Structures are given as C-alpha cells and as structure tokens.
Full PDB file with SEQRES, HELIX, SHEET, SSBOND, CRYST1, ORIGX, SCALE, CONECT and MASTER records, all heavy atoms in Angstrom:
SEQRES   1 A   38  LEU ALA LYS HIS ILE ASP GLY ASN ASP GLU LEU LEU VAL          
SEQRES   2 A   38  VAL ASP ILE THR ALA GLY SER ALA ALA TRP THR GLY PHE          
SEQRES   3 A   38  ASP SER ASP CYS SER SER TRP LEU LYS ASN ASN LEU              
HELIX    1 AA1 ALA A    2  HIS A    4  5                                   3    
HELIX    2 AA2 SER A   28  ASN A   37  1                                  10    
CRYST1    1.000    1.000    1.000  90.00  90.00  90.00 P 1           1          
ORIGX1      1.000000  0.000000  0.000000        0.00000                         
ORIGX2      0.000000  1.000000  0.000000        0.00000                         
ORIGX3      0.000000  0.000000  1.000000        0.00000                         
SCALE1      1.000000  0.000000  0.000000        0.00000                         
SCALE2      0.000000  1.000000  0.000000        0.00000                         
SCALE3      0.000000  0.000000  1.000000        0.00000                         
ATOM      1  N   LEU A   1     -12.546  14.963  22.172  1.00  0.00           N  
ATOM      2  CA  LEU A   1     -11.337  14.386  21.572  1.00  0.00           C  
ATOM      3  C   LEU A   1     -10.158  15.353  21.555  1.00  0.00           C  
ATOM      4  O   LEU A   1      -9.001  14.918  21.572  1.00  0.00           O  
ATOM      5  CB  LEU A   1     -11.642  13.910  20.152  1.00  0.00           C  
ATOM      6  CG  LEU A   1     -12.695  12.813  20.049  1.00  0.00           C  
ATOM      7  CD1 LEU A   1     -12.971  12.493  18.589  1.00  0.00           C  
ATOM      8  CD2 LEU A   1     -12.272  11.573  20.812  1.00  0.00           C  
ATOM      9  N   ALA A   2     -10.424  16.643  21.524  1.00  0.00           N  
ATOM     10  CA  ALA A   2      -9.355  17.649  21.431  1.00  0.00           C  
ATOM     11  C   ALA A   2      -8.378  17.559  22.601  1.00  0.00           C  
ATOM     12  O   ALA A   2      -7.211  17.938  22.471  1.00  0.00           O  
ATOM     13  CB  ALA A   2      -9.956  19.049  21.339  1.00  0.00           C  
ATOM     14  N   LYS A   3      -8.824  17.038  23.718  1.00  0.00           N  
ATOM     15  CA  LYS A   3      -7.953  16.880  24.894  1.00  0.00           C  
ATOM     16  C   LYS A   3      -6.852  15.839  24.668  1.00  0.00           C  
ATOM     17  O   LYS A   3      -5.897  15.775  25.415  1.00  0.00           O  
ATOM     18  CB  LYS A   3      -8.790  16.442  26.100  1.00  0.00           C  
ATOM     19  CG  LYS A   3      -9.907  17.361  26.462  1.00  0.00           C  
ATOM     20  CD  LYS A   3     -10.754  16.730  27.553  1.00  0.00           C  
ATOM     21  CE  LYS A   3     -12.170  17.230  27.466  1.00  0.00           C  
ATOM     22  NZ  LYS A   3     -13.084  16.485  28.316  1.00  0.00           N  
ATOM     23  N   HIS A   4      -7.011  15.033  23.615  1.00  0.00           N  
ATOM     24  CA  HIS A   4      -6.099  13.910  23.380  1.00  0.00           C  
ATOM     25  C   HIS A   4      -5.169  14.135  22.185  1.00  0.00           C  
ATOM     26  O   HIS A   4      -4.496  13.200  21.752  1.00  0.00           O  
ATOM     27  CB  HIS A   4      -6.906  12.632  23.167  1.00  0.00           C  
ATOM     28  CG  HIS A   4      -7.780  12.308  24.331  1.00  0.00           C  
ATOM     29  ND1 HIS A   4      -7.317  11.645  25.443  1.00  0.00           N  
ATOM     30  CD2 HIS A   4      -9.088  12.600  24.572  1.00  0.00           C  
ATOM     31  CE1 HIS A   4      -8.303  11.527  26.322  1.00  0.00           C  
ATOM     32  NE2 HIS A   4      -9.387  12.087  25.815  1.00  0.00           N  
ATOM     33  N   ILE A   5      -5.145  15.362  21.657  1.00  0.00           N  
ATOM     34  CA  ILE A   5      -4.262  15.675  20.533  1.00  0.00           C  
ATOM     35  C   ILE A   5      -3.423  16.895  20.868  1.00  0.00           C  
ATOM     36  O   ILE A   5      -3.729  17.640  21.798  1.00  0.00           O  
ATOM     37  CB  ILE A   5      -5.058  15.898  19.216  1.00  0.00           C  
ATOM     38  CG1 ILE A   5      -5.982  17.097  19.325  1.00  0.00           C  
ATOM     39  CG2 ILE A   5      -5.832  14.629  18.854  1.00  0.00           C  
ATOM     40  CD1 ILE A   5      -6.662  17.475  18.012  1.00  0.00           C  
ATOM     41  N   ASP A   6      -2.360  17.106  20.102  1.00  0.00           N  
ATOM     42  CA  ASP A   6      -1.489  18.269  20.269  1.00  0.00           C  
ATOM     43  C   ASP A   6      -1.978  19.426  19.411  1.00  0.00           C  
ATOM     44  O   ASP A   6      -2.786  19.237  18.486  1.00  0.00           O  
ATOM     45  CB  ASP A   6      -0.056  17.908  19.854  1.00  0.00           C  
ATOM     46  CG  ASP A   6       0.566  16.865  20.766  1.00  0.00           C  
ATOM     47  OD1 ASP A   6       0.231  16.833  21.962  1.00  0.00           O  
ATOM     48  OD2 ASP A   6       1.397  16.083  20.271  1.00  0.00           O  
ATOM     49  N   GLY A   7      -1.458  20.607  19.666  1.00  0.00           N  
ATOM     50  CA  GLY A   7      -1.863  21.806  18.950  1.00  0.00           C  
ATOM     51  C   GLY A   7      -1.558  21.784  17.464  1.00  0.00           C  
ATOM     52  O   GLY A   7      -2.188  22.513  16.691  1.00  0.00           O  
ATOM     53  N   ASN A   8      -0.624  20.966  17.030  1.00  0.00           N  
ATOM     54  CA  ASN A   8      -0.284  20.909  15.603  1.00  0.00           C  
ATOM     55  C   ASN A   8      -0.978  19.748  14.881  1.00  0.00           C  
ATOM     56  O   ASN A   8      -0.715  19.493  13.712  1.00  0.00           O  
ATOM     57  CB  ASN A   8       1.227  20.824  15.415  1.00  0.00           C  
ATOM     58  CG  ASN A   8       1.810  19.517  15.929  1.00  0.00           C  
ATOM     59  OD1 ASN A   8       1.266  18.893  16.838  1.00  0.00           O  
ATOM     60  ND2 ASN A   8       2.925  19.111  15.364  1.00  0.00           N  
ATOM     61  N   ASP A   9      -1.878  19.040  15.559  1.00  0.00           N  
ATOM     62  CA  ASP A   9      -2.624  17.934  14.955  1.00  0.00           C  
ATOM     63  C   ASP A   9      -3.906  18.455  14.317  1.00  0.00           C  
ATOM     64  O   ASP A   9      -4.373  19.546  14.638  1.00  0.00           O  
ATOM     65  CB  ASP A   9      -2.989  16.893  16.018  1.00  0.00           C  
ATOM     66  CG  ASP A   9      -1.773  16.245  16.651  1.00  0.00           C  
ATOM     67  OD1 ASP A   9      -0.738  16.137  15.964  1.00  0.00           O  
ATOM     68  OD2 ASP A   9      -1.863  15.850  17.825  1.00  0.00           O  
ATOM     69  N   GLU A  10      -4.475  17.650  13.405  1.00  0.00           N  
ATOM     70  CA  GLU A  10      -5.750  17.995  12.792  1.00  0.00           C  
ATOM     71  C   GLU A  10      -6.801  16.972  13.211  1.00  0.00           C  
ATOM     72  O   GLU A  10      -6.503  15.782  13.334  1.00  0.00           O  
ATOM     73  CB  GLU A  10      -5.661  17.996  11.253  1.00  0.00           C  
ATOM     74  CG  GLU A  10      -4.802  19.091  10.689  1.00  0.00           C  
ATOM     75  CD  GLU A  10      -3.387  18.638  10.399  1.00  0.00           C  
ATOM     76  OE1 GLU A  10      -3.136  17.422  10.274  1.00  0.00           O  
ATOM     77  OE2 GLU A  10      -2.511  19.503  10.313  1.00  0.00           O  
ATOM     78  N   LEU A  11      -8.026  17.469  13.386  1.00  0.00           N  
ATOM     79  CA  LEU A  11      -9.151  16.629  13.784  1.00  0.00           C  
ATOM     80  C   LEU A  11     -10.389  17.108  13.042  1.00  0.00           C  
ATOM     81  O   LEU A  11     -10.671  18.307  13.011  1.00  0.00           O  
ATOM     82  CB  LEU A  11      -9.374  16.744  15.300  1.00  0.00           C  
ATOM     83  CG  LEU A  11     -10.586  16.018  15.888  1.00  0.00           C  
ATOM     84  CD1 LEU A  11     -10.432  14.508  15.767  1.00  0.00           C  
ATOM     85  CD2 LEU A  11     -10.774  16.422  17.349  1.00  0.00           C  
ATOM     86  N   LEU A  12     -11.115  16.180  12.432  1.00  0.00           N  
ATOM     87  CA  LEU A  12     -12.341  16.487  11.701  1.00  0.00           C  
ATOM     88  C   LEU A  12     -13.454  15.607  12.252  1.00  0.00           C  
ATOM     89  O   LEU A  12     -13.292  14.393  12.367  1.00  0.00           O  
ATOM     90  CB  LEU A  12     -12.156  16.207  10.207  1.00  0.00           C  
ATOM     91  CG  LEU A  12     -13.386  16.320   9.313  1.00  0.00           C  
ATOM     92  CD1 LEU A  12     -13.839  17.778   9.225  1.00  0.00           C  
ATOM     93  CD2 LEU A  12     -13.092  15.756   7.933  1.00  0.00           C  
ATOM     94  N   VAL A  13     -14.597  16.225  12.592  1.00  0.00           N  
ATOM     95  CA  VAL A  13     -15.771  15.497  13.069  1.00  0.00           C  
ATOM     96  C   VAL A  13     -16.964  15.963  12.240  1.00  0.00           C  
ATOM     97  O   VAL A  13     -17.279  17.146  12.224  1.00  0.00           O  
ATOM     98  CB  VAL A  13     -16.029  15.746  14.572  1.00  0.00           C  
ATOM     99  CG1 VAL A  13     -17.236  14.968  15.051  1.00  0.00           C  
ATOM    100  CG2 VAL A  13     -14.797  15.397  15.401  1.00  0.00           C  
ATOM    101  N   VAL A  14     -17.625  15.030  11.540  1.00  0.00           N  
ATOM    102  CA  VAL A  14     -18.708  15.365  10.626  1.00  0.00           C  
ATOM    103  C   VAL A  14     -19.909  14.471  10.921  1.00  0.00           C  
ATOM    104  O   VAL A  14     -19.760  13.251  11.038  1.00  0.00           O  
ATOM    105  CB  VAL A  14     -18.274  15.157   9.150  1.00  0.00           C  
ATOM    106  CG1 VAL A  14     -19.401  15.494   8.200  1.00  0.00           C  
ATOM    107  CG2 VAL A  14     -17.025  15.957   8.832  1.00  0.00           C  
ATOM    108  N   ASP A  15     -21.102  15.067  11.000  1.00  0.00           N  
ATOM    109  CA  ASP A  15     -22.337  14.293  11.151  1.00  0.00           C  
ATOM    110  C   ASP A  15     -22.701  13.738   9.779  1.00  0.00           C  
ATOM    111  O   ASP A  15     -22.943  14.491   8.843  1.00  0.00           O  
ATOM    112  CB  ASP A  15     -23.449  15.197  11.680  1.00  0.00           C  
ATOM    113  CG  ASP A  15     -24.738  14.445  11.958  1.00  0.00           C  
ATOM    114  OD1 ASP A  15     -24.956  13.352  11.382  1.00  0.00           O  
ATOM    115  OD2 ASP A  15     -25.548  14.965  12.731  1.00  0.00           O  
ATOM    116  N   ILE A  16     -22.733  12.423   9.646  1.00  0.00           N  
ATOM    117  CA  ILE A  16     -23.050  11.788   8.359  1.00  0.00           C  
ATOM    118  C   ILE A  16     -24.359  11.004   8.424  1.00  0.00           C  
ATOM    119  O   ILE A  16     -24.639  10.181   7.555  1.00  0.00           O  
ATOM    120  CB  ILE A  16     -21.896  10.877   7.884  1.00  0.00           C  
ATOM    121  CG1 ILE A  16     -21.628   9.759   8.888  1.00  0.00           C  
ATOM    122  CG2 ILE A  16     -20.643  11.686   7.622  1.00  0.00           C  
ATOM    123  CD1 ILE A  16     -20.704   8.669   8.349  1.00  0.00           C  
ATOM    124  N   THR A  17     -25.172  11.287   9.432  1.00  0.00           N  
ATOM    125  CA  THR A  17     -26.398  10.531   9.648  1.00  0.00           C  
ATOM    126  C   THR A  17     -27.323  10.564   8.439  1.00  0.00           C  
ATOM    127  O   THR A  17     -27.856   9.547   8.022  1.00  0.00           O  
ATOM    128  CB  THR A  17     -27.142  11.062  10.897  1.00  0.00           C  
ATOM    129  OG1 THR A  17     -26.252  10.994  12.000  1.00  0.00           O  
ATOM    130  CG2 THR A  17     -28.382  10.242  11.179  1.00  0.00           C  
ATOM    131  N   ALA A  18     -27.531  11.722   7.865  1.00  0.00           N  
ATOM    132  CA  ALA A  18     -28.517  11.870   6.790  1.00  0.00           C  
ATOM    133  C   ALA A  18     -27.897  11.774   5.398  1.00  0.00           C  
ATOM    134  O   ALA A  18     -28.577  11.987   4.405  1.00  0.00           O  
ATOM    135  CB  ALA A  18     -29.240  13.202   6.937  1.00  0.00           C  
ATOM    136  N   GLY A  19     -26.637  11.448   5.327  1.00  0.00           N  
ATOM    137  CA  GLY A  19     -25.964  11.412   4.033  1.00  0.00           C  
ATOM    138  C   GLY A  19     -26.082  10.073   3.336  1.00  0.00           C  
ATOM    139  O   GLY A  19     -26.669   9.125   3.836  1.00  0.00           O  
ATOM    140  N   SER A  20     -25.547  10.024   2.146  1.00  0.00           N  
ATOM    141  CA  SER A  20     -25.453   8.763   1.428  1.00  0.00           C  
ATOM    142  C   SER A  20     -23.987   8.364   1.371  1.00  0.00           C  
ATOM    143  O   SER A  20     -23.107   9.183   1.594  1.00  0.00           O  
ATOM    144  CB  SER A  20     -26.043   8.896   0.025  1.00  0.00           C  
ATOM    145  OG  SER A  20     -25.285   9.805  -0.733  1.00  0.00           O  
ATOM    146  N   ALA A  21     -23.737   7.106   1.061  1.00  0.00           N  
ATOM    147  CA  ALA A  21     -22.354   6.624   1.063  1.00  0.00           C  
ATOM    148  C   ALA A  21     -22.130   5.639  -0.074  1.00  0.00           C  
ATOM    149  O   ALA A  21     -23.053   4.944  -0.500  1.00  0.00           O  
ATOM    150  CB  ALA A  21     -22.035   5.953   2.401  1.00  0.00           C  
ATOM    151  N   ALA A  22     -20.919   5.596  -0.548  1.00  0.00           N  
ATOM    152  CA  ALA A  22     -20.484   4.612  -1.536  1.00  0.00           C  
ATOM    153  C   ALA A  22     -19.053   4.234  -1.183  1.00  0.00           C  
ATOM    154  O   ALA A  22     -18.292   5.057  -0.705  1.00  0.00           O  
ATOM    155  CB  ALA A  22     -20.559   5.200  -2.943  1.00  0.00           C  
ATOM    156  N   TRP A  23     -18.693   2.977  -1.416  1.00  0.00           N  
ATOM    157  CA  TRP A  23     -17.347   2.533  -1.061  1.00  0.00           C  
ATOM    158  C   TRP A  23     -16.957   1.347  -1.916  1.00  0.00           C  
ATOM    159  O   TRP A  23     -17.774   0.733  -2.583  1.00  0.00           O  
ATOM    160  CB  TRP A  23     -17.264   2.179   0.426  1.00  0.00           C  
ATOM    161  CG  TRP A  23     -18.216   1.101   0.837  1.00  0.00           C  
ATOM    162  CD1 TRP A  23     -17.993  -0.252   0.828  1.00  0.00           C  
ATOM    163  CD2 TRP A  23     -19.555   1.260   1.289  1.00  0.00           C  
ATOM    164  NE1 TRP A  23     -19.095  -0.934   1.256  1.00  0.00           N  
ATOM    165  CE2 TRP A  23     -20.086  -0.021   1.540  1.00  0.00           C  
ATOM    166  CE3 TRP A  23     -20.370   2.369   1.506  1.00  0.00           C  
ATOM    167  CZ2 TRP A  23     -21.375  -0.223   2.007  1.00  0.00           C  
ATOM    168  CZ3 TRP A  23     -21.651   2.169   1.962  1.00  0.00           C  
ATOM    169  CH2 TRP A  23     -22.141   0.884   2.209  1.00  0.00           C  
ATOM    170  N   THR A  24     -15.680   1.023  -1.843  1.00  0.00           N  
ATOM    171  CA  THR A  24     -15.158  -0.149  -2.533  1.00  0.00           C  
ATOM    172  C   THR A  24     -13.893  -0.621  -1.829  1.00  0.00           C  
ATOM    173  O   THR A  24     -13.229   0.165  -1.143  1.00  0.00           O  
ATOM    174  CB  THR A  24     -14.879   0.142  -4.022  1.00  0.00           C  
ATOM    175  OG1 THR A  24     -14.542  -1.076  -4.683  1.00  0.00           O  
ATOM    176  CG2 THR A  24     -13.755   1.138  -4.201  1.00  0.00           C  
ATOM    177  N   GLY A  25     -13.580  -1.876  -1.968  1.00  0.00           N  
ATOM    178  CA  GLY A  25     -12.312  -2.404  -1.487  1.00  0.00           C  
ATOM    179  C   GLY A  25     -12.290  -2.901  -0.057  1.00  0.00           C  
ATOM    180  O   GLY A  25     -11.270  -3.404   0.395  1.00  0.00           O  
ATOM    181  N   PHE A  26     -13.400  -2.795   0.676  1.00  0.00           N  
ATOM    182  CA  PHE A  26     -13.412  -3.249   2.057  1.00  0.00           C  
ATOM    183  C   PHE A  26     -13.792  -4.724   2.135  1.00  0.00           C  
ATOM    184  O   PHE A  26     -14.533  -5.234   1.296  1.00  0.00           O  
ATOM    185  CB  PHE A  26     -14.398  -2.427   2.896  1.00  0.00           C  
ATOM    186  CG  PHE A  26     -13.986  -0.999   3.070  1.00  0.00           C  
ATOM    187  CD1 PHE A  26     -14.708   0.022   2.490  1.00  0.00           C  
ATOM    188  CD2 PHE A  26     -12.858  -0.683   3.802  1.00  0.00           C  
ATOM    189  CE1 PHE A  26     -14.331   1.340   2.642  1.00  0.00           C  
ATOM    190  CE2 PHE A  26     -12.461   0.639   3.966  1.00  0.00           C  
ATOM    191  CZ  PHE A  26     -13.200   1.652   3.389  1.00  0.00           C  
ATOM    192  N   ASP A  27     -13.323  -5.404   3.183  1.00  0.00           N  
ATOM    193  CA  ASP A  27     -13.719  -6.794   3.373  1.00  0.00           C  
ATOM    194  C   ASP A  27     -15.194  -6.860   3.761  1.00  0.00           C  
ATOM    195  O   ASP A  27     -15.850  -5.828   3.976  1.00  0.00           O  
ATOM    196  CB  ASP A  27     -12.819  -7.490   4.395  1.00  0.00           C  
ATOM    197  CG  ASP A  27     -12.935  -6.938   5.804  1.00  0.00           C  
ATOM    198  OD1 ASP A  27     -13.997  -6.399   6.184  1.00  0.00           O  
ATOM    199  OD2 ASP A  27     -11.964  -7.065   6.563  1.00  0.00           O  
ATOM    200  N   SER A  28     -15.737  -8.058   3.867  1.00  0.00           N  
ATOM    201  CA  SER A  28     -17.179  -8.218   4.100  1.00  0.00           C  
ATOM    202  C   SER A  28     -17.619  -7.656   5.452  1.00  0.00           C  
ATOM    203  O   SER A  28     -18.716  -7.105   5.555  1.00  0.00           O  
ATOM    204  CB  SER A  28     -17.589  -9.679   3.971  1.00  0.00           C  
ATOM    205  OG  SER A  28     -16.923 -10.476   4.923  1.00  0.00           O  
ATOM    206  N   ASP A  29     -16.796  -7.769   6.483  1.00  0.00           N  
ATOM    207  CA  ASP A  29     -17.166  -7.218   7.790  1.00  0.00           C  
ATOM    208  C   ASP A  29     -17.295  -5.701   7.742  1.00  0.00           C  
ATOM    209  O   ASP A  29     -18.262  -5.130   8.255  1.00  0.00           O  
ATOM    210  CB  ASP A  29     -16.147  -7.611   8.865  1.00  0.00           C  
ATOM    211  CG  ASP A  29     -16.223  -9.069   9.247  1.00  0.00           C  
ATOM    212  OD1 ASP A  29     -17.272  -9.698   9.002  1.00  0.00           O  
ATOM    213  OD2 ASP A  29     -15.227  -9.579   9.789  1.00  0.00           O  
ATOM    214  N   CYS A  30     -16.327  -5.046   7.120  1.00  0.00           N  
ATOM    215  CA  CYS A  30     -16.360  -3.586   7.010  1.00  0.00           C  
ATOM    216  C   CYS A  30     -17.542  -3.141   6.153  1.00  0.00           C  
ATOM    217  O   CYS A  30     -18.258  -2.204   6.508  1.00  0.00           O  
ATOM    218  CB  CYS A  30     -15.050  -3.060   6.418  1.00  0.00           C  
ATOM    219  SG  CYS A  30     -13.637  -3.265   7.518  1.00  0.00           S  
ATOM    220  N   SER A  31     -17.761  -3.794   5.031  1.00  0.00           N  
ATOM    221  CA  SER A  31     -18.881  -3.451   4.154  1.00  0.00           C  
ATOM    222  C   SER A  31     -20.216  -3.693   4.834  1.00  0.00           C  
ATOM    223  O   SER A  31     -21.142  -2.879   4.718  1.00  0.00           O  
ATOM    224  CB  SER A  31     -18.804  -4.242   2.851  1.00  0.00           C  
ATOM    225  OG  SER A  31     -17.758  -3.782   2.053  1.00  0.00           O  
ATOM    226  N   SER A  32     -20.350  -4.795   5.552  1.00  0.00           N  
ATOM    227  CA  SER A  32     -21.600  -5.108   6.237  1.00  0.00           C  
ATOM    228  C   SER A  32     -21.944  -4.048   7.270  1.00  0.00           C  
ATOM    229  O   SER A  32     -23.096  -3.640   7.400  1.00  0.00           O  
ATOM    230  CB  SER A  32     -21.514  -6.470   6.914  1.00  0.00           C  
ATOM    231  OG  SER A  32     -21.462  -7.487   5.958  1.00  0.00           O  
ATOM    232  N   TRP A  33     -20.944  -3.605   8.037  1.00  0.00           N  
ATOM    233  CA  TRP A  33     -21.215  -2.578   9.038  1.00  0.00           C  
ATOM    234  C   TRP A  33     -21.746  -1.331   8.358  1.00  0.00           C  
ATOM    235  O   TRP A  33     -22.723  -0.732   8.814  1.00  0.00           O  
ATOM    236  CB  TRP A  33     -19.954  -2.259   9.842  1.00  0.00           C  
ATOM    237  CG  TRP A  33     -20.254  -1.457  11.089  1.00  0.00           C  
ATOM    238  CD1 TRP A  33     -20.388  -1.963  12.345  1.00  0.00           C  
ATOM    239  CD2 TRP A  33     -20.471  -0.047  11.183  1.00  0.00           C  
ATOM    240  NE1 TRP A  33     -20.673  -0.943  13.221  1.00  0.00           N  
ATOM    241  CE2 TRP A  33     -20.724   0.244  12.543  1.00  0.00           C  
ATOM    242  CE3 TRP A  33     -20.465   0.997  10.284  1.00  0.00           C  
ATOM    243  CZ2 TRP A  33     -20.987   1.525  12.997  1.00  0.00           C  
ATOM    244  CZ3 TRP A  33     -20.731   2.299  10.738  1.00  0.00           C  
ATOM    245  CH2 TRP A  33     -20.989   2.545  12.084  1.00  0.00           C  
ATOM    246  N   LEU A  34     -21.110  -0.915   7.283  1.00  0.00           N  
ATOM    247  CA  LEU A  34     -21.560   0.281   6.571  1.00  0.00           C  
ATOM    248  C   LEU A  34     -22.987   0.097   6.039  1.00  0.00           C  
ATOM    249  O   LEU A  34     -23.830   0.987   6.206  1.00  0.00           O  
ATOM    250  CB  LEU A  34     -20.596   0.605   5.427  1.00  0.00           C  
ATOM    251  CG  LEU A  34     -19.190   1.031   5.857  1.00  0.00           C  
ATOM    252  CD1 LEU A  34     -18.260   1.062   4.657  1.00  0.00           C  
ATOM    253  CD2 LEU A  34     -19.225   2.377   6.566  1.00  0.00           C  
ATOM    254  N   LYS A  35     -23.275  -1.024   5.428  1.00  0.00           N  
ATOM    255  CA  LYS A  35     -24.624  -1.289   4.899  1.00  0.00           C  
ATOM    256  C   LYS A  35     -25.668  -1.254   5.990  1.00  0.00           C  
ATOM    257  O   LYS A  35     -26.771  -0.754   5.793  1.00  0.00           O  
ATOM    258  CB  LYS A  35     -24.654  -2.659   4.198  1.00  0.00           C  
ATOM    259  CG  LYS A  35     -23.977  -2.689   2.870  1.00  0.00           C  
ATOM    260  CD  LYS A  35     -24.028  -4.102   2.293  1.00  0.00           C  
ATOM    261  CE  LYS A  35     -23.154  -4.219   1.078  1.00  0.00           C  
ATOM    262  NZ  LYS A  35     -23.085  -5.608   0.569  1.00  0.00           N  
ATOM    263  N   ASN A  36     -25.338  -1.800   7.146  1.00  0.00           N  
ATOM    264  CA  ASN A  36     -26.310  -1.905   8.228  1.00  0.00           C  
ATOM    265  C   ASN A  36     -26.461  -0.637   9.070  1.00  0.00           C  
ATOM    266  O   ASN A  36     -27.438  -0.510   9.816  1.00  0.00           O  
ATOM    267  CB  ASN A  36     -25.949  -3.057   9.158  1.00  0.00           C  
ATOM    268  CG  ASN A  36     -26.073  -4.400   8.484  1.00  0.00           C  
ATOM    269  OD1 ASN A  36     -26.904  -4.590   7.601  1.00  0.00           O  
ATOM    270  ND2 ASN A  36     -25.233  -5.336   8.885  1.00  0.00           N  
ATOM    271  N   ASN A  37     -25.518   0.271   8.951  1.00  0.00           N  
ATOM    272  CA  ASN A  37     -25.522   1.432   9.856  1.00  0.00           C  
ATOM    273  C   ASN A  37     -25.586   2.793   9.171  1.00  0.00           C  
ATOM    274  O   ASN A  37     -25.820   3.791   9.842  1.00  0.00           O  
ATOM    275  CB  ASN A  37     -24.294   1.382  10.771  1.00  0.00           C  
ATOM    276  CG  ASN A  37     -24.391   0.247  11.751  1.00  0.00           C  
ATOM    277  OD1 ASN A  37     -25.090   0.334  12.747  1.00  0.00           O  
ATOM    278  ND2 ASN A  37     -23.708  -0.846  11.467  1.00  0.00           N  
ATOM    279  N   LEU A  38     -25.358   2.840   7.877  1.00  0.00           N  
ATOM    280  CA  LEU A  38     -25.447   4.136   7.190  1.00  0.00           C  
ATOM    281  C   LEU A  38     -26.716   4.225   6.382  1.00  0.00           C  
ATOM    282  O   LEU A  38     -27.316   3.283   6.013  1.00  0.00           O  
ATOM    283  CB  LEU A  38     -24.236   4.336   6.281  1.00  0.00           C  
ATOM    284  CG  LEU A  38     -22.882   4.411   6.963  1.00  0.00           C  
ATOM    285  CD1 LEU A  38     -21.792   4.651   5.909  1.00  0.00           C  
ATOM    286  CD2 LEU A  38     -22.843   5.520   7.999  1.00  0.00           C  
TER     287      LEU A  38                                                      
MASTER        0    0    0    2    0    0    0    6  286    1    0    3          
END                                                                             
C-alpha cells in the first residue's frame, strides 16, 4: 500500500485476527460482516 501514498501521509496496518471486537452504530450489513468474520 505504501506505493499508493505520499511521504506526508499516514498508514496503519494491524493484524486483528486473534483479537476481540465491540462496536455500535453500524447498519445491519456492517454489523453482520463483523459478527461473521471477527
């Protein structure tokens, strides 16, 4: 991805495979994806 940003941009990439998650405010499609994939 770094090839697609400028030198003054910020980019964060984090492995969240083994983590837990909590959220609020998303529509049903967004929430369903998170429930099914995290």
